[in-house]
Amino acid sequence: MRLFAALCITALCVTMSPSNSDAQTDAQLRTDWANLAKYRDANAALGAPKRGERRVVFYGNSITEGWAPKFPEMFPGKGYIGRGISGQTTPQMLVRFRQDVVALKPKVVVILAGTNDIAGNTGPSTVEMIEDNLASMTEIAKANGIRVVLSSVLPVYDYPWKPGLEPAPKIVAVNKWMKAYAARTGQIYLDYHTAMADTKNGMREGLATDGVHPNDAGYRLMAPLASQAIARALRR
């Protein structure tokens, strides 16, 4: 039994992306798998929304975490809140959804997730597993009066830290489901993929540092699309 547990921990650790400098450590995975500690103090300091405030939380992985410092420049005067954690998959995000989204009482949550599941960061994951977790987050948000923007998974042709997985068709499949699910449940679908994909459904040249994580040009392309989606969500 001890050998089996050790092997499981080892297998989990090697799936984590080594490209992220602040990726979760082995000990952290064992003691705080969803990294609930990361934003606990910031959430407490944030407090409840002010009267008339239409709070928006961007929720995701390293793509969201890397974007958040640019929010004041790209969304001036909006005060959007970033709650991304590098390397995270949808099951980890589901675990911390109440703490890092619901408890903040936003009007809108913008969810961008799924690429790390396809990369296998926390073990093998099917398209259906990703869809289930996204649906669960959406249902929790709806039950708490939060409008949901479901962001398409960004295009990827190959993961530098785990080559050969052929993620592009899986990403297209998740996005196809997400668009239909959003329409069926009255949520907003935010399509980054169409604007950012090349002819092989990888990231267009010049929009990312490594074919996965957007650079400044990539984020600048994404910003107006996000703004439009948030405005639509707030009107509903």
Protein backbone atom coordinates (compact mmCIF):
# COMPACT_ATOMS: atom_id res chain seq x y z
CA MET A 1 0.00 0.00 0.00
CA ARG A 2 2.83 2.43 0.87
CA LEU A 3 4.57 1.63 -2.42
CA PHE A 4 1.33 2.24 -4.32
CA ALA A 5 0.83 5.62 -2.63
CA ALA A 6 4.41 6.62 -3.38
CA LEU A 7 4.00 5.67 -7.01
CA CYS A 8 0.76 7.67 -7.24
CA ILE A 9 2.41 10.77 -5.79
CA THR A 10 5.34 10.40 -8.16
CA ALA A 11 3.05 9.98 -11.16
CA LEU A 12 1.08 13.07 -10.16
CA CYS A 13 4.17 15.18 -9.73
CA VAL A 14 5.68 14.42 -13.11
CA THR A 15 2.54 15.58 -14.86
CA MET A 16 2.89 19.08 -13.48
CA SER A 17 4.23 21.62 -15.96
CA PRO A 18 7.89 22.43 -15.33
CA SER A 19 7.49 25.53 -17.48
CA ASN A 20 5.74 27.39 -14.67
CA SER A 21 8.23 28.78 -12.16
CA ASP A 22 5.64 28.85 -9.39
CA ALA A 23 4.16 25.40 -10.08
CA GLN A 24 2.83 23.61 -7.01
CA THR A 25 5.42 21.62 -5.07
CA ASP A 26 5.08 17.97 -4.12
CA ALA A 27 4.36 18.87 -0.51
CA GLN A 28 1.75 21.42 -1.54
CA LEU A 29 -0.04 18.87 -3.70
CA ARG A 30 -0.26 16.55 -0.71
CA THR A 31 -1.41 19.16 1.81
CA ASP A 32 -3.26 21.79 -0.26
CA TRP A 33 -4.01 20.17 -3.61
CA ALA A 34 -6.19 23.02 -4.88
CA ASN A 35 -3.89 25.72 -3.43
CA LEU A 36 -6.62 27.27 -1.32
CA ALA A 37 -3.94 29.15 0.57
CA LYS A 38 -2.87 31.28 -2.39
CA TYR A 39 -5.68 33.83 -2.32
CA ARG A 40 -7.08 33.29 1.19
CA ASP A 41 -5.58 36.46 2.67
CA ALA A 42 -6.28 38.54 -0.44
CA ASN A 43 -9.91 37.44 -0.39
CA ALA A 44 -10.27 38.42 3.26
CA ALA A 45 -8.72 41.82 2.59
CA LEU A 46 -10.97 42.44 -0.42
CA GLY A 47 -14.18 42.51 1.58
CA ALA A 48 -17.72 42.71 0.24
CA PRO A 49 -18.57 44.64 -2.94
CA LYS A 50 -19.33 48.31 -2.42
CA ARG A 51 -22.79 49.66 -3.12
CA GLY A 52 -23.30 49.75 -6.88
CA GLU A 53 -20.13 47.77 -7.60
CA ARG A 54 -20.48 45.23 -10.40
CA ARG A 55 -17.60 42.98 -9.41
CA VAL A 56 -16.03 40.69 -12.02
CA VAL A 57 -13.69 37.79 -11.22
CA PHE A 58 -11.41 36.27 -13.86
CA TYR A 59 -10.91 32.65 -12.83
CA GLY A 60 -8.39 30.27 -14.32
CA ASN A 61 -4.84 28.99 -14.59
CA SER A 62 -1.50 30.56 -15.54
CA ILE A 63 -3.05 32.37 -18.50
CA THR A 64 -5.34 34.26 -16.13
CA GLU A 65 -2.65 34.65 -13.46
CA GLY A 66 -0.26 36.14 -16.01
CA TRP A 67 -2.94 38.49 -17.31
CA ALA A 68 -4.11 39.90 -13.98
CA PRO A 69 -1.18 42.33 -13.50
CA LYS A 70 -2.11 43.87 -16.87
CA PHE A 71 -5.78 44.44 -15.95
CA PRO A 72 -5.36 48.11 -14.89
CA GLU A 73 -3.81 48.86 -18.28
CA MET A 74 -6.12 46.73 -20.44
CA PHE A 75 -9.35 47.30 -18.48
CA PRO A 76 -8.84 50.82 -17.07
CA GLY A 77 -11.12 51.79 -14.24
CA LYS A 78 -12.80 48.38 -14.02
CA GLY A 79 -11.10 46.92 -10.97
CA TYR A 80 -11.39 43.36 -12.27
CA ILE A 81 -10.13 40.65 -9.92
CA GLY A 82 -7.76 37.90 -11.04
CA ARG A 83 -7.94 34.50 -9.41
CA GLY A 84 -5.75 32.37 -11.65
CA ILE A 85 -3.27 29.77 -10.41
CA SER A 86 -0.48 28.49 -12.62
CA GLY A 87 -0.71 24.86 -13.66
CA GLN A 88 -4.22 24.26 -12.37
CA THR A 89 -6.77 21.89 -13.86
CA THR A 90 -10.57 22.06 -13.69
CA PRO A 91 -10.92 19.67 -10.71
CA GLN A 92 -8.58 21.88 -8.67
CA MET A 93 -10.51 24.95 -9.76
CA LEU A 94 -13.79 23.31 -8.80
CA VAL A 95 -12.48 22.67 -5.28
CA ARG A 96 -11.59 26.33 -4.72
CA PHE A 97 -14.55 27.83 -6.63
CA ARG A 98 -16.58 28.73 -3.54
CA GLN A 99 -13.65 30.37 -1.77
CA ASP A 100 -12.15 32.23 -4.72
CA VAL A 101 -15.35 33.12 -6.61
CA VAL A 102 -18.62 32.68 -4.72
CA ALA A 103 -17.38 34.22 -1.46
CA LEU A 104 -16.28 37.35 -3.34
CA LYS A 105 -19.89 37.97 -4.46
CA PRO A 106 -19.17 39.00 -8.05
CA LYS A 107 -21.82 39.81 -10.61
CA VAL A 108 -19.85 37.92 -13.27
CA VAL A 109 -17.18 35.22 -13.33
CA VAL A 110 -15.05 34.73 -16.44
CA ILE A 111 -13.85 31.12 -16.46
CA LEU A 112 -10.87 30.13 -18.60
CA ALA A 113 -9.83 26.52 -17.99
CA GLY A 114 -9.19 23.12 -19.51
CA THR A 115 -5.85 23.29 -21.27
CA ASN A 116 -3.93 21.88 -18.29
CA ASP A 117 -6.39 18.99 -18.07
CA ILE A 118 -5.61 18.12 -21.68
CA ALA A 119 -1.90 18.42 -20.87
CA GLY A 120 -2.40 15.92 -18.03
CA ASN A 121 -1.12 18.20 -15.26
CA THR A 122 -3.00 16.28 -12.56
CA GLY A 123 -3.32 12.99 -14.38
CA PRO A 124 -5.21 11.68 -17.41
CA SER A 125 -8.38 13.62 -18.21
CA THR A 126 -11.05 13.05 -20.84
CA VAL A 127 -12.98 15.73 -22.67
CA GLU A 128 -16.08 14.63 -20.75
CA MET A 129 -14.32 15.15 -17.39
CA ILE A 130 -13.44 18.71 -18.36
CA GLU A 131 -17.00 19.36 -19.46
CA ASP A 132 -18.39 17.98 -16.19
CA ASN A 133 -16.17 20.26 -14.10
CA LEU A 134 -17.01 23.34 -16.16
CA ALA A 135 -20.71 22.50 -15.86
CA SER A 136 -20.38 22.08 -12.09
CA MET A 137 -18.70 25.47 -11.70
CA THR A 138 -21.42 27.04 -13.83
CA GLU A 139 -24.18 25.45 -11.76
CA ILE A 140 -22.62 26.65 -8.48
CA ALA A 141 -22.32 30.16 -9.90
CA LYS A 142 -25.92 30.19 -11.12
CA ALA A 143 -27.18 28.96 -7.75
CA ASN A 144 -25.46 31.97 -6.16
CA GLY A 145 -26.74 34.56 -8.63
CA ILE A 146 -23.44 34.90 -10.51
CA ARG A 147 -23.50 35.25 -14.30
CA VAL A 148 -21.01 33.04 -16.12
CA VAL A 149 -18.75 33.75 -19.08
CA LEU A 150 -17.31 30.48 -20.37
CA SER A 151 -14.09 31.22 -22.26
CA SER A 152 -12.94 28.94 -25.02
CA VAL A 153 -9.73 27.04 -24.40
CA LEU A 154 -6.96 28.85 -26.25
CA PRO A 155 -5.48 27.11 -29.31
CA VAL A 156 -2.46 24.86 -28.74
CA TYR A 157 -0.72 22.67 -31.31
CA ASP A 158 1.73 21.09 -28.85
CA TYR A 159 2.68 21.56 -25.19
CA PRO A 160 6.40 22.37 -24.81
CA TRP A 161 6.55 20.56 -21.45
CA LYS A 162 4.69 17.48 -22.70
CA PRO A 163 5.02 17.11 -26.47
CA GLY A 164 3.15 14.64 -28.62
CA LEU A 165 -0.30 14.82 -27.00
CA GLU A 166 -1.95 16.35 -30.10
CA PRO A 167 -4.16 18.68 -28.04
CA ALA A 168 -5.67 20.71 -30.89
CA PRO A 169 -8.64 18.42 -31.72
CA LYS A 170 -9.44 17.92 -28.03
CA ILE A 171 -9.47 21.68 -27.52
CA VAL A 172 -11.82 22.09 -30.48
CA ALA A 173 -14.13 19.43 -29.01
CA VAL A 174 -14.26 21.10 -25.58
CA ASN A 175 -14.96 24.46 -27.16
CA LYS A 176 -17.74 23.04 -29.34
CA TRP A 177 -19.41 21.58 -26.24
CA MET A 178 -18.87 24.80 -24.29
CA LYS A 179 -20.55 26.95 -26.94
CA ALA A 180 -23.58 24.64 -27.05
CA TYR A 181 -23.76 24.37 -23.25
CA ALA A 182 -23.62 28.15 -22.82
CA ALA A 183 -26.44 28.61 -25.31
CA ARG A 184 -28.51 25.89 -23.66
CA THR A 185 -28.09 27.24 -20.13
CA GLY A 186 -28.27 30.97 -20.86
CA GLN A 187 -24.59 31.75 -20.20
CA ILE A 188 -22.13 33.68 -22.36
CA TYR A 189 -19.59 31.90 -24.57
CA LEU A 190 -16.39 33.88 -25.10
CA ASP A 191 -14.62 32.72 -28.25
CA TYR A 192 -10.91 33.46 -28.06
CA HIS A 193 -10.03 30.41 -30.15
CA THR A 194 -11.33 31.65 -33.51
CA ALA A 195 -9.39 34.90 -33.23
CA MET A 196 -6.16 33.27 -32.09
CA ALA A 197 -5.90 29.99 -34.03
CA ASP A 198 -3.78 29.32 -37.08
CA THR A 199 -4.63 26.90 -39.89
CA LYS A 200 -3.57 23.90 -37.76
CA ASN A 201 -5.60 25.04 -34.73
CA GLY A 202 -2.43 26.01 -32.95
CA MET A 203 -1.68 29.48 -31.60
CA ARG A 204 -1.11 32.10 -34.29
CA GLU A 205 2.47 33.28 -34.56
CA GLY A 206 3.22 36.36 -32.52
CA LEU A 207 0.47 35.87 -29.93
CA ALA A 208 2.23 33.65 -27.40
CA THR A 209 5.62 33.11 -25.81
CA ASP A 210 5.59 29.33 -26.20
CA GLY A 211 2.55 28.45 -28.29
CA VAL A 212 0.43 28.25 -25.11
CA HIS A 213 0.77 31.35 -22.91
CA PRO A 214 -0.23 34.67 -24.51
CA ASN A 215 2.28 37.47 -24.76
CA ASP A 216 1.28 41.13 -24.60
CA ALA A 217 -0.07 41.04 -28.15
CA GLY A 218 -2.14 37.98 -27.31
CA TYR A 219 -3.64 39.58 -24.22
CA ARG A 220 -4.38 42.77 -26.13
CA LEU A 221 -6.33 40.72 -28.67
CA MET A 222 -8.22 38.97 -25.86
CA ALA A 223 -9.10 42.08 -23.85
CA PRO A 224 -11.82 43.58 -26.09
CA LEU A 225 -13.37 40.15 -26.59
CA ALA A 226 -13.55 39.73 -22.82
CA SER A 227 -14.99 43.22 -22.39
CA GLN A 228 -17.75 42.51 -24.89
CA ALA A 229 -18.61 39.20 -23.21
CA ILE A 230 -18.73 40.79 -19.74
CA ALA A 231 -20.99 43.57 -21.01
CA ARG A 232 -23.36 40.98 -22.47
CA ALA A 233 -23.39 39.04 -19.21
CA LEU A 234 -24.16 42.16 -17.17
CA ARG A 235 -27.09 43.00 -19.45
CA ARG A 236 -28.74 39.63 -18.80
